[in-house]
Protein backbone atom coordinates (compact mmCIF):
# COMPACT_ATOMS: atom_id res chain seq x y z
CA MET A 1 24.25 -3.90 398.70
CA PRO A 2 27.60 -2.65 400.01
CA HIS A 3 30.75 -4.69 399.59
CA ARG A 4 33.49 -4.15 402.13
CA ALA A 5 36.99 -4.65 400.77
CA THR A 6 39.75 -5.63 403.20
CA SER A 7 43.49 -6.16 403.07
CA ALA A 8 46.33 -7.06 405.41
CA ALA A 9 46.63 -3.37 406.22
CA GLY A 10 43.00 -3.25 407.32
CA SER A 11 39.78 -2.15 405.70
CA LEU A 12 40.27 -0.24 402.45
CA VAL A 13 36.92 1.40 403.05
CA ASP A 14 38.12 2.81 406.35
CA ARG A 15 41.05 4.46 404.55
CA LEU A 16 38.98 6.12 401.84
CA PRO A 17 38.23 9.85 402.27
CA GLU A 18 34.79 10.69 403.55
CA PRO A 19 32.45 12.07 400.87
CA ASP A 20 31.57 15.72 401.32
CA ALA A 21 28.05 17.00 401.91
CA ASN A 22 27.37 17.50 398.20
CA ALA A 23 28.47 13.96 397.39
CA ARG A 24 26.31 12.51 400.16
CA GLU A 25 23.33 14.53 398.99
CA HIS A 26 23.85 13.35 395.42
CA SER A 27 24.17 9.74 396.58
CA GLU A 28 20.84 10.00 398.36
CA ARG A 29 19.20 11.38 395.21
CA VAL A 30 20.50 8.38 393.27
CA ALA A 31 19.24 6.00 395.96
CA ALA A 32 15.85 7.73 395.99
CA ALA A 33 15.55 7.35 392.20
CA ILE A 34 16.34 3.65 392.47
CA ARG A 35 13.86 3.17 395.31
CA ALA A 36 11.19 4.90 393.22
CA ALA A 37 11.94 2.60 390.27
CA ILE A 38 11.66 -0.45 392.52
CA GLU A 39 8.35 0.73 393.96
CA ALA A 40 6.97 1.53 390.49
CA ASN A 41 7.88 -1.98 389.33
CA GLY A 42 6.08 -3.82 392.11
CA GLY A 43 8.93 -4.00 394.63
CA TYR A 44 11.62 -5.48 392.36
CA ILE A 45 13.88 -4.50 389.47
CA PRO A 46 16.40 -6.70 387.63
CA PHE A 47 20.02 -6.15 388.60
CA SER A 48 20.65 -4.86 385.08
CA ARG A 49 18.15 -2.05 385.69
CA TYR A 50 19.66 -1.30 389.11
CA MET A 51 23.12 -0.90 387.56
CA GLU A 52 21.75 1.09 384.62
CA LEU A 53 20.22 3.62 387.02
CA ALA A 54 23.28 3.78 389.28
CA LEU A 55 25.64 4.34 386.35
CA TYR A 56 23.62 6.11 383.67
CA ALA A 57 20.42 7.73 385.01
CA PRO A 58 20.40 11.21 383.40
CA GLY A 59 21.88 13.77 385.78
CA LEU A 60 22.25 11.16 388.52
CA GLY A 61 24.22 8.10 387.44
CA TYR A 62 27.96 7.86 387.98
CA TYR A 63 28.82 8.27 384.30
CA ALA A 64 26.05 10.78 383.56
CA ALA A 65 26.19 13.24 386.45
CA GLY A 66 29.12 15.36 385.30
CA ALA A 67 31.64 14.64 388.08
CA ARG A 68 35.25 14.10 387.01
CA LYS A 69 36.09 10.40 386.82
CA LEU A 70 39.55 10.00 385.29
CA GLY A 71 42.92 11.19 386.54
CA ALA A 72 44.23 12.76 389.73
CA GLY A 73 41.03 14.71 390.22
CA GLY A 74 38.81 11.67 389.68
CA ASP A 75 38.33 8.14 390.97
CA PHE A 76 40.47 5.97 388.70
CA VAL A 77 43.03 5.86 385.91
CA THR A 78 43.45 3.47 382.97
CA ALA A 79 46.54 2.39 381.02
CA PRO A 80 46.05 4.74 378.02
CA GLU A 81 46.09 7.71 380.40
CA LEU A 82 49.58 6.77 381.61
CA THR A 83 51.46 6.31 378.35
CA PRO A 84 50.94 6.37 374.56
CA LEU A 85 52.89 3.10 374.43
CA PHE A 86 49.64 1.25 375.21
CA ALA A 87 48.05 2.48 371.98
CA THR A 88 51.29 2.04 370.05
CA ALA A 89 51.37 -1.65 371.01
CA LEU A 90 47.66 -2.04 370.23
CA ALA A 91 48.15 -0.45 366.82
CA ALA A 92 50.16 -3.43 365.56
CA GLN A 93 47.24 -5.81 366.07
CA ALA A 94 44.70 -3.19 364.98
CA ALA A 95 46.50 -2.64 361.68
CA ALA A 96 46.47 -6.37 360.95
CA ILE A 97 42.74 -6.63 361.65
CA LEU A 98 41.91 -3.58 359.55
CA ALA A 99 43.95 -4.96 356.67
CA ALA A 100 41.80 -8.10 356.71
CA THR A 101 38.42 -6.31 356.71
CA PRO A 102 36.91 -4.55 353.67
CA ARG A 103 35.32 -1.60 355.52
CA ARG A 104 38.21 -1.00 357.96
CA GLU A 105 36.08 0.25 360.88
CA ILE A 106 37.00 0.72 364.52
CA VAL A 107 34.32 0.86 367.22
CA GLU A 108 35.42 1.72 370.76
CA LEU A 109 33.12 0.98 373.69
CA GLY A 110 33.38 3.72 376.29
CA GLY A 111 36.06 6.13 375.14
CA GLY A 112 37.06 7.51 378.55
CA SER A 113 38.84 10.83 378.09
CA GLY A 114 39.51 10.12 374.41
CA ARG A 115 43.15 9.42 375.14
CA LEU A 116 43.15 5.91 373.64
CA ALA A 117 41.33 7.04 370.50
CA ALA A 118 43.75 9.91 369.92
CA ASP A 119 46.87 7.81 370.52
CA LEU A 120 45.59 4.85 368.50
CA LEU A 121 44.69 7.02 365.52
CA ASN A 122 48.10 8.70 365.66
CA ALA A 123 49.85 5.32 365.88
CA LEU A 124 47.82 3.91 362.98
CA GLY A 125 48.52 7.05 360.97
CA ALA A 126 52.23 6.53 361.49
CA ARG A 127 51.79 3.01 360.06
CA ASP A 128 49.73 4.29 357.12
CA ALA A 129 46.97 2.03 358.42
CA LEU A 130 44.16 4.39 359.40
CA PRO A 131 40.57 3.11 359.68
CA SER A 132 37.85 4.38 357.37
CA ARG A 133 36.02 5.59 360.47
CA TYR A 134 36.40 5.46 364.25
CA VAL A 135 33.12 5.25 366.18
CA ILE A 136 32.99 5.83 369.94
CA LEU A 137 30.01 4.36 371.76
CA GLU A 138 29.56 6.73 374.69
CA VAL A 139 26.49 7.24 376.88
CA SER A 140 28.04 9.89 379.15
CA PRO A 141 27.57 13.40 377.72
CA ASP A 142 30.43 14.92 379.73
CA LEU A 143 32.85 12.14 378.73
CA ALA A 144 31.86 12.52 375.07
CA GLU A 145 32.68 16.21 375.32
CA ARG A 146 36.06 15.43 376.88
CA GLN A 147 36.73 12.99 374.05
CA ARG A 148 35.98 15.66 371.45
CA THR A 149 38.34 18.07 373.20
CA THR A 150 41.13 15.50 373.46
CA LEU A 151 40.86 14.48 369.80
CA ALA A 152 40.72 18.06 368.55
CA ARG A 153 43.81 18.90 370.60
CA ASP A 154 45.94 15.76 370.23
CA ALA A 155 44.83 14.15 366.95
CA PRO A 156 43.47 17.03 364.83
CA ALA A 157 44.52 15.41 361.55
CA HIS A 158 42.24 12.43 362.28
CA ARG A 159 39.32 14.14 364.03
CA ALA A 160 37.09 14.01 360.93
CA ARG A 161 37.19 10.19 361.02
CA VAL A 162 35.61 10.06 364.48
CA SER A 163 31.89 9.96 365.24
CA TRP A 164 29.83 9.11 368.32
CA THR A 165 26.90 6.81 368.99
CA SER A 166 24.89 5.70 372.02
CA ALA A 167 24.17 2.16 370.76
CA LEU A 168 26.11 -0.62 369.11
CA PRO A 169 25.98 -0.54 365.30
CA ASP A 170 24.05 -3.38 363.70
CA THR A 171 27.27 -4.61 362.09
CA ILE A 172 30.98 -3.96 362.62
CA ASP A 173 33.42 -4.73 359.83
CA GLY A 174 36.75 -4.21 361.52
CA LEU A 175 37.93 -3.89 365.10
CA LEU A 176 36.01 -3.63 368.37
CA VAL A 177 38.01 -1.95 371.17
CA ALA A 178 36.82 -2.43 374.76
CA ASN A 179 39.42 -1.26 377.27
CA GLU A 180 38.36 -1.70 380.93
CA VAL A 181 34.69 -1.52 379.98
CA LEU A 182 33.13 -4.66 381.50
CA ASP A 183 32.67 -2.95 384.88
CA ALA A 184 30.58 -0.27 383.17
CA ILE A 185 28.10 -2.69 381.59
CA ALA A 186 24.79 -3.38 383.34
CA PRO A 187 24.52 -7.21 383.22
CA HIS A 188 21.65 -9.60 383.76
CA ILE A 189 22.34 -12.10 386.55
CA VAL A 190 20.71 -15.50 386.22
CA ALA A 191 20.56 -18.28 388.81
CA ARG A 192 19.61 -21.88 388.06
CA LYS A 193 17.78 -23.77 390.78
CA SER A 194 16.31 -27.26 390.37
CA GLY A 195 16.38 -26.86 386.60
CA GLU A 196 14.59 -23.49 386.60
CA TYR A 197 16.09 -20.12 385.77
CA PHE A 198 15.64 -17.06 387.96
CA GLU A 199 16.79 -13.50 387.33
CA ARG A 200 18.51 -11.90 390.30
CA GLY A 201 17.46 -8.37 391.06
CA VAL A 202 17.07 -5.78 393.76
CA ALA A 203 14.30 -5.05 396.26
CA CYS A 204 14.18 -2.44 398.98
CA ASP A 205 13.59 -3.12 402.67
CA ALA A 206 12.81 -0.33 405.11
CA GLN A 207 15.36 -1.67 407.59
CA ALA A 208 18.01 -3.35 405.46
CA GLY A 209 17.91 -0.98 402.47
CA PHE A 210 18.63 -2.51 399.06
CA THR A 211 18.53 -6.31 399.13
CA TRP A 212 18.87 -9.16 396.68
CA ALA A 213 15.67 -10.64 395.26
CA GLU A 214 14.77 -13.11 392.51
CA ARG A 215 12.00 -13.53 389.98
CA THR A 216 11.39 -16.28 387.43
CA ALA A 217 13.42 -15.37 384.36
CA ASP A 218 11.37 -14.44 381.31
CA ALA A 219 11.43 -16.85 378.38
CA PRO A 220 14.06 -15.07 376.21
CA LEU A 221 16.51 -14.71 379.11
CA ALA A 222 15.95 -18.29 380.30
CA THR A 223 16.50 -19.59 376.77
CA LEU A 224 19.69 -17.57 376.43
CA ALA A 225 20.95 -18.81 379.81
CA ALA A 226 20.19 -22.42 378.88
CA THR A 227 22.41 -22.17 375.78
CA ARG A 228 25.44 -20.91 377.70
């Protein structure tokens, strides 16, 4: 389901560098894995599953395949990578929240290179407002390793406070940090038609490739959609 971005200067896609042979081969392996999942599920998978495979399939997905993502050698950059002032500003609000919560926890969703965690811990340390623990929810093994390296190098005094998880804790008593993370979440997409709820998903056509498809939403998802 390609999306073609355009601007006054012409197509942005046309100005992107062509992927090399290795990247094209990897892309086809990802597409083949998604096609296999669609076939195994009767010709349809929910969009959430499509995104989960594209982003996180072990050894294949964008965040799980080992390629560099952040910085000049990657595909994108986020504010914490540019300046520690981002974390310094965030620390003022973080300190106030931690002061109001008994367990003083911080949970960060998707820690990137670990830059935000290191800078935020240093800024909170300077305020004498450190959390009891700092948990990074990270599903990418290579990014988790980069985070460990960054913290050991740039925030060694606070490294012992940091741990990693692959799922949200049951409870969080403190601060939840989610910087530029919504685009990395695999969402359910629900459509309402004539009072009924349908889940949008992906099918595969021999000629058109991946295409949109819909199935009646299951009861829990329909109930959740009806309350929103």
